[in-house]
Amino acid sequence: MSEKLSYEEFIRKAIISLRKEGYKGIHSVYSGFNNAFRKYFNDENPVEITNRLAREGKVVVRPVRGGVMLYLPEEVPSARNTADEALKKMGIYE
């Protein structure tokens, strides 16, 4: 087997390989990422590592139901302002 990937390399490869068509990120649980990470890195905690890399700006982590979404920093979708969207739909805000 070739040399083991770094945490950052593994996560980048996972995001690119596991995301569904039309999506920029992956769900940490539903994509199988957490289990794959634990298996590849001998039961290390994926939450600790992804949070550390997020603090370093190497990955973007956004909380969602059932886990988090993981994104590459250069591909993260902009945060929507749902309050503005709701007010526009109500005809109160332009």
N, C-alpha and C. Protein backbone atom coordinates (compact mmCIF):
# COMPACT_ATOMS: atom_id res chain seq x y z
N MET A 1 0.84 -1.19 0.00
CA MET A 1 0.00 0.00 0.00
C MET A 1 0.88 1.24 0.00
N SER A 2 0.46 2.27 -0.69
CA SER A 2 1.24 3.50 -0.76
C SER A 2 1.16 4.26 0.55
N GLU A 3 1.90 5.35 0.62
CA GLU A 3 1.95 6.18 1.82
C GLU A 3 0.57 6.67 2.22
N LYS A 4 0.32 6.71 3.53
CA LYS A 4 -0.98 7.12 4.05
C LYS A 4 -1.22 8.60 3.79
N LEU A 5 -2.48 8.94 3.45
CA LEU A 5 -2.86 10.33 3.23
C LEU A 5 -2.84 11.10 4.55
N SER A 6 -2.61 12.41 4.47
CA SER A 6 -2.75 13.26 5.65
C SER A 6 -4.23 13.46 5.91
N TYR A 7 -4.56 14.01 7.08
CA TYR A 7 -5.97 14.29 7.39
C TYR A 7 -6.57 15.19 6.31
N GLU A 8 -5.86 16.26 5.97
CA GLU A 8 -6.38 17.21 4.99
C GLU A 8 -6.58 16.55 3.63
N GLU A 9 -5.61 15.76 3.20
CA GLU A 9 -5.73 15.08 1.91
C GLU A 9 -6.91 14.11 1.91
N PHE A 10 -7.08 13.38 3.01
CA PHE A 10 -8.18 12.43 3.12
C PHE A 10 -9.53 13.14 3.04
N ILE A 11 -9.66 14.24 3.77
CA ILE A 11 -10.93 14.96 3.80
C ILE A 11 -11.24 15.59 2.45
N ARG A 12 -10.23 16.19 1.81
CA ARG A 12 -10.45 16.77 0.47
C ARG A 12 -10.88 15.68 -0.51
N LYS A 13 -10.20 14.55 -0.47
CA LYS A 13 -10.54 13.44 -1.38
C LYS A 13 -11.96 12.93 -1.09
N ALA A 14 -12.31 12.85 0.18
CA ALA A 14 -13.65 12.39 0.56
C ALA A 14 -14.72 13.34 0.04
N ILE A 15 -14.51 14.64 0.22
CA ILE A 15 -15.51 15.62 -0.23
C ILE A 15 -15.71 15.51 -1.74
N ILE A 16 -14.62 15.43 -2.47
CA ILE A 16 -14.70 15.36 -3.94
C ILE A 16 -15.32 14.04 -4.40
N SER A 17 -14.96 12.96 -3.75
CA SER A 17 -15.41 11.63 -4.18
C SER A 17 -16.81 11.25 -3.71
N LEU A 18 -17.19 11.69 -2.52
CA LEU A 18 -18.45 11.23 -1.92
C LEU A 18 -19.65 12.14 -2.17
N ARG A 19 -19.40 13.35 -2.62
CA ARG A 19 -20.55 14.26 -2.79
C ARG A 19 -21.41 13.80 -3.96
N LYS A 20 -22.69 14.04 -3.80
CA LYS A 20 -23.65 13.68 -4.84
C LYS A 20 -23.65 14.75 -5.92
N GLU A 21 -24.02 14.36 -7.11
CA GLU A 21 -24.04 15.29 -8.23
C GLU A 21 -24.92 16.49 -7.91
N GLY A 22 -24.40 17.67 -8.18
CA GLY A 22 -25.14 18.89 -7.93
C GLY A 22 -24.88 19.48 -6.55
N TYR A 23 -24.15 18.78 -5.70
CA TYR A 23 -23.85 19.25 -4.35
C TYR A 23 -22.37 19.58 -4.21
N LYS A 24 -22.07 20.55 -3.37
CA LYS A 24 -20.68 20.96 -3.16
C LYS A 24 -20.05 20.33 -1.93
N GLY A 25 -20.87 19.76 -1.05
CA GLY A 25 -20.33 19.19 0.18
C GLY A 25 -20.89 17.80 0.45
N ILE A 26 -20.45 17.25 1.58
CA ILE A 26 -20.92 15.93 1.99
C ILE A 26 -21.42 15.98 3.43
N HIS A 27 -22.39 15.15 3.74
CA HIS A 27 -22.87 15.01 5.11
C HIS A 27 -21.92 14.03 5.79
N SER A 28 -21.41 14.42 6.95
CA SER A 28 -20.40 13.61 7.63
C SER A 28 -20.87 12.21 7.98
N VAL A 29 -22.15 12.05 8.28
CA VAL A 29 -22.67 10.74 8.68
C VAL A 29 -23.24 9.98 7.48
N TYR A 30 -24.18 10.60 6.77
CA TYR A 30 -24.90 9.90 5.70
C TYR A 30 -24.02 9.52 4.52
N SER A 31 -22.92 10.23 4.30
CA SER A 31 -22.02 9.90 3.20
C SER A 31 -21.11 8.72 3.54
N GLY A 32 -21.04 8.38 4.82
CA GLY A 32 -20.12 7.32 5.25
C GLY A 32 -18.75 7.86 5.64
N PHE A 33 -18.59 9.18 5.58
CA PHE A 33 -17.30 9.80 5.87
C PHE A 33 -16.77 9.45 7.26
N ASN A 34 -17.60 9.62 8.30
CA ASN A 34 -17.12 9.39 9.67
C ASN A 34 -16.60 7.96 9.84
N ASN A 35 -17.34 6.99 9.36
CA ASN A 35 -16.90 5.60 9.50
C ASN A 35 -15.65 5.31 8.68
N ALA A 36 -15.57 5.86 7.48
CA ALA A 36 -14.38 5.67 6.65
C ALA A 36 -13.16 6.31 7.31
N PHE A 37 -13.35 7.49 7.90
CA PHE A 37 -12.25 8.18 8.58
C PHE A 37 -11.73 7.33 9.74
N ARG A 38 -12.66 6.83 10.55
CA ARG A 38 -12.26 6.00 11.70
C ARG A 38 -11.52 4.74 11.25
N LYS A 39 -11.98 4.13 10.17
CA LYS A 39 -11.33 2.91 9.68
C LYS A 39 -9.94 3.22 9.13
N TYR A 40 -9.82 4.27 8.35
CA TYR A 40 -8.55 4.62 7.73
C TYR A 40 -7.52 5.08 8.76
N PHE A 41 -7.97 5.84 9.76
CA PHE A 41 -7.06 6.40 10.75
C PHE A 41 -7.14 5.67 12.10
N ASN A 42 -7.45 4.39 12.10
CA ASN A 42 -7.41 3.55 13.29
C ASN A 42 -8.19 4.12 14.47
N ASP A 43 -9.47 4.36 14.26
CA ASP A 43 -10.40 4.82 15.30
C ASP A 43 -10.14 6.22 15.84
N GLU A 44 -9.43 7.06 15.09
CA GLU A 44 -9.29 8.46 15.51
C GLU A 44 -10.63 9.16 15.33
N ASN A 45 -10.84 10.22 16.09
CA ASN A 45 -12.12 10.93 16.10
C ASN A 45 -12.20 11.94 14.95
N PRO A 46 -13.10 11.69 13.97
CA PRO A 46 -13.20 12.61 12.83
C PRO A 46 -13.71 14.00 13.23
N VAL A 47 -14.51 14.09 14.29
CA VAL A 47 -15.06 15.38 14.72
C VAL A 47 -13.93 16.30 15.18
N GLU A 48 -13.03 15.79 15.99
CA GLU A 48 -11.91 16.60 16.48
C GLU A 48 -11.03 17.08 15.33
N ILE A 49 -10.72 16.18 14.41
CA ILE A 49 -9.82 16.52 13.31
C ILE A 49 -10.49 17.52 12.36
N THR A 50 -11.74 17.28 11.98
CA THR A 50 -12.39 18.21 11.04
C THR A 50 -12.58 19.58 11.69
N ASN A 51 -12.89 19.63 12.99
CA ASN A 51 -13.01 20.92 13.67
C ASN A 51 -11.67 21.66 13.71
N ARG A 52 -10.60 20.93 13.94
CA ARG A 52 -9.27 21.56 13.94
C ARG A 52 -8.94 22.12 12.55
N LEU A 53 -9.19 21.33 11.52
CA LEU A 53 -8.91 21.80 10.16
C LEU A 53 -9.82 22.97 9.78
N ALA A 54 -11.03 22.99 10.32
CA ALA A 54 -11.93 24.13 10.07
C ALA A 54 -11.37 25.39 10.71
N ARG A 55 -10.83 25.28 11.93
CA ARG A 55 -10.22 26.45 12.59
C ARG A 55 -9.02 26.95 11.80
N GLU A 56 -8.32 26.05 11.13
CA GLU A 56 -7.15 26.41 10.31
C GLU A 56 -7.56 26.90 8.92
N GLY A 57 -8.85 26.84 8.60
CA GLY A 57 -9.33 27.30 7.30
C GLY A 57 -9.11 26.33 6.16
N LYS A 58 -8.86 25.07 6.46
CA LYS A 58 -8.58 24.07 5.42
C LYS A 58 -9.83 23.32 4.98
N VAL A 59 -10.91 23.44 5.75
CA VAL A 59 -12.18 22.82 5.43
C VAL A 59 -13.26 23.68 6.09
N VAL A 60 -14.46 23.63 5.55
CA VAL A 60 -15.58 24.38 6.16
C VAL A 60 -16.58 23.37 6.69
N VAL A 61 -16.99 23.58 7.94
CA VAL A 61 -17.92 22.70 8.62
C VAL A 61 -19.18 23.50 8.94
N ARG A 62 -20.33 23.00 8.50
CA ARG A 62 -21.61 23.65 8.80
C ARG A 62 -22.54 22.64 9.46
N PRO A 63 -23.07 22.98 10.63
CA PRO A 63 -23.98 22.05 11.31
C PRO A 63 -25.28 21.84 10.53
N VAL A 64 -25.72 20.61 10.48
CA VAL A 64 -27.00 20.25 9.87
C VAL A 64 -27.61 19.13 10.70
N ARG A 65 -28.85 18.81 10.42
CA ARG A 65 -29.52 17.74 11.16
C ARG A 65 -28.75 16.43 10.99
N GLY A 66 -28.43 15.82 12.11
CA GLY A 66 -27.78 14.51 12.08
C GLY A 66 -26.27 14.54 11.93
N GLY A 67 -25.66 15.71 11.90
CA GLY A 67 -24.21 15.79 11.75
C GLY A 67 -23.78 17.14 11.25
N VAL A 68 -22.81 17.14 10.35
CA VAL A 68 -22.34 18.39 9.73
C VAL A 68 -22.15 18.17 8.24
N MET A 69 -22.14 19.27 7.52
CA MET A 69 -21.76 19.24 6.11
C MET A 69 -20.31 19.69 6.04
N LEU A 70 -19.53 19.02 5.21
CA LEU A 70 -18.13 19.35 5.00
C LEU A 70 -17.96 19.89 3.59
N TYR A 71 -17.27 21.02 3.49
CA TYR A 71 -17.03 21.67 2.21
C TYR A 71 -15.56 22.03 2.06
N LEU A 72 -15.11 22.11 0.82
CA LEU A 72 -13.80 22.70 0.54
C LEU A 72 -13.97 24.21 0.67
N PRO A 73 -12.99 24.91 1.25
CA PRO A 73 -13.14 26.36 1.46
C PRO A 73 -13.42 27.13 0.17
N GLU A 74 -12.85 26.69 -0.93
CA GLU A 74 -13.02 27.41 -2.19
C GLU A 74 -14.36 27.10 -2.85
N GLU A 75 -15.12 26.16 -2.32
CA GLU A 75 -16.40 25.78 -2.93
C GLU A 75 -17.61 25.96 -2.02
N VAL A 76 -17.41 26.51 -0.85
CA VAL A 76 -18.51 26.61 0.11
C VAL A 76 -19.60 27.53 -0.43
N PRO A 77 -20.86 27.07 -0.38
CA PRO A 77 -21.95 27.93 -0.84
C PRO A 77 -22.14 29.10 0.12
N SER A 78 -22.55 30.23 -0.42
CA SER A 78 -22.76 31.39 0.43
C SER A 78 -23.97 31.14 1.32
N ALA A 79 -23.90 31.70 2.52
CA ALA A 79 -25.01 31.54 3.46
C ALA A 79 -26.19 32.36 2.95
N ARG A 80 -27.33 31.73 2.94
CA ARG A 80 -28.54 32.42 2.48
C ARG A 80 -29.12 33.23 3.63
N ASN A 81 -29.68 34.37 3.30
CA ASN A 81 -30.37 35.16 4.30
C ASN A 81 -31.85 34.82 4.19
N THR A 82 -32.28 33.83 4.94
CA THR A 82 -33.66 33.35 4.82
C THR A 82 -34.67 34.36 5.31
N ALA A 83 -34.29 35.23 6.25
CA ALA A 83 -35.22 36.26 6.72
C ALA A 83 -35.56 37.21 5.59
N ASP A 84 -34.55 37.66 4.84
CA ASP A 84 -34.79 38.55 3.70
C ASP A 84 -35.64 37.86 2.65
N GLU A 85 -35.34 36.59 2.38
CA GLU A 85 -36.12 35.85 1.38
C GLU A 85 -37.58 35.74 1.80
N ALA A 86 -37.83 35.46 3.06
CA ALA A 86 -39.20 35.34 3.55
C ALA A 86 -39.94 36.67 3.44
N LEU A 87 -39.28 37.76 3.82
CA LEU A 87 -39.91 39.07 3.75
C LEU A 87 -40.21 39.46 2.30
N LYS A 88 -39.32 39.12 1.37
CA LYS A 88 -39.56 39.40 -0.04
C LYS A 88 -40.78 38.64 -0.55
N LYS A 89 -40.88 37.38 -0.18
CA LYS A 89 -42.02 36.55 -0.60
C LYS A 89 -43.32 37.08 -0.02
N MET A 90 -43.24 37.68 1.15
CA MET A 90 -44.43 38.25 1.79
C MET A 90 -44.78 39.62 1.23
N GLY A 91 -43.90 40.17 0.38
CA GLY A 91 -44.14 41.47 -0.20
C GLY A 91 -43.86 42.62 0.75
N ILE A 92 -43.13 42.38 1.82
CA ILE A 92 -42.85 43.39 2.82
C ILE A 92 -41.49 44.04 2.59
N TYR A 93 -40.60 43.33 1.96
CA TYR A 93 -39.20 43.78 1.82
C TYR A 93 -38.80 43.65 0.36
N GLU A 94 -38.04 44.60 -0.10
CA GLU A 94 -37.59 44.50 -1.51
C GLU A 94 -36.14 44.18 -1.60
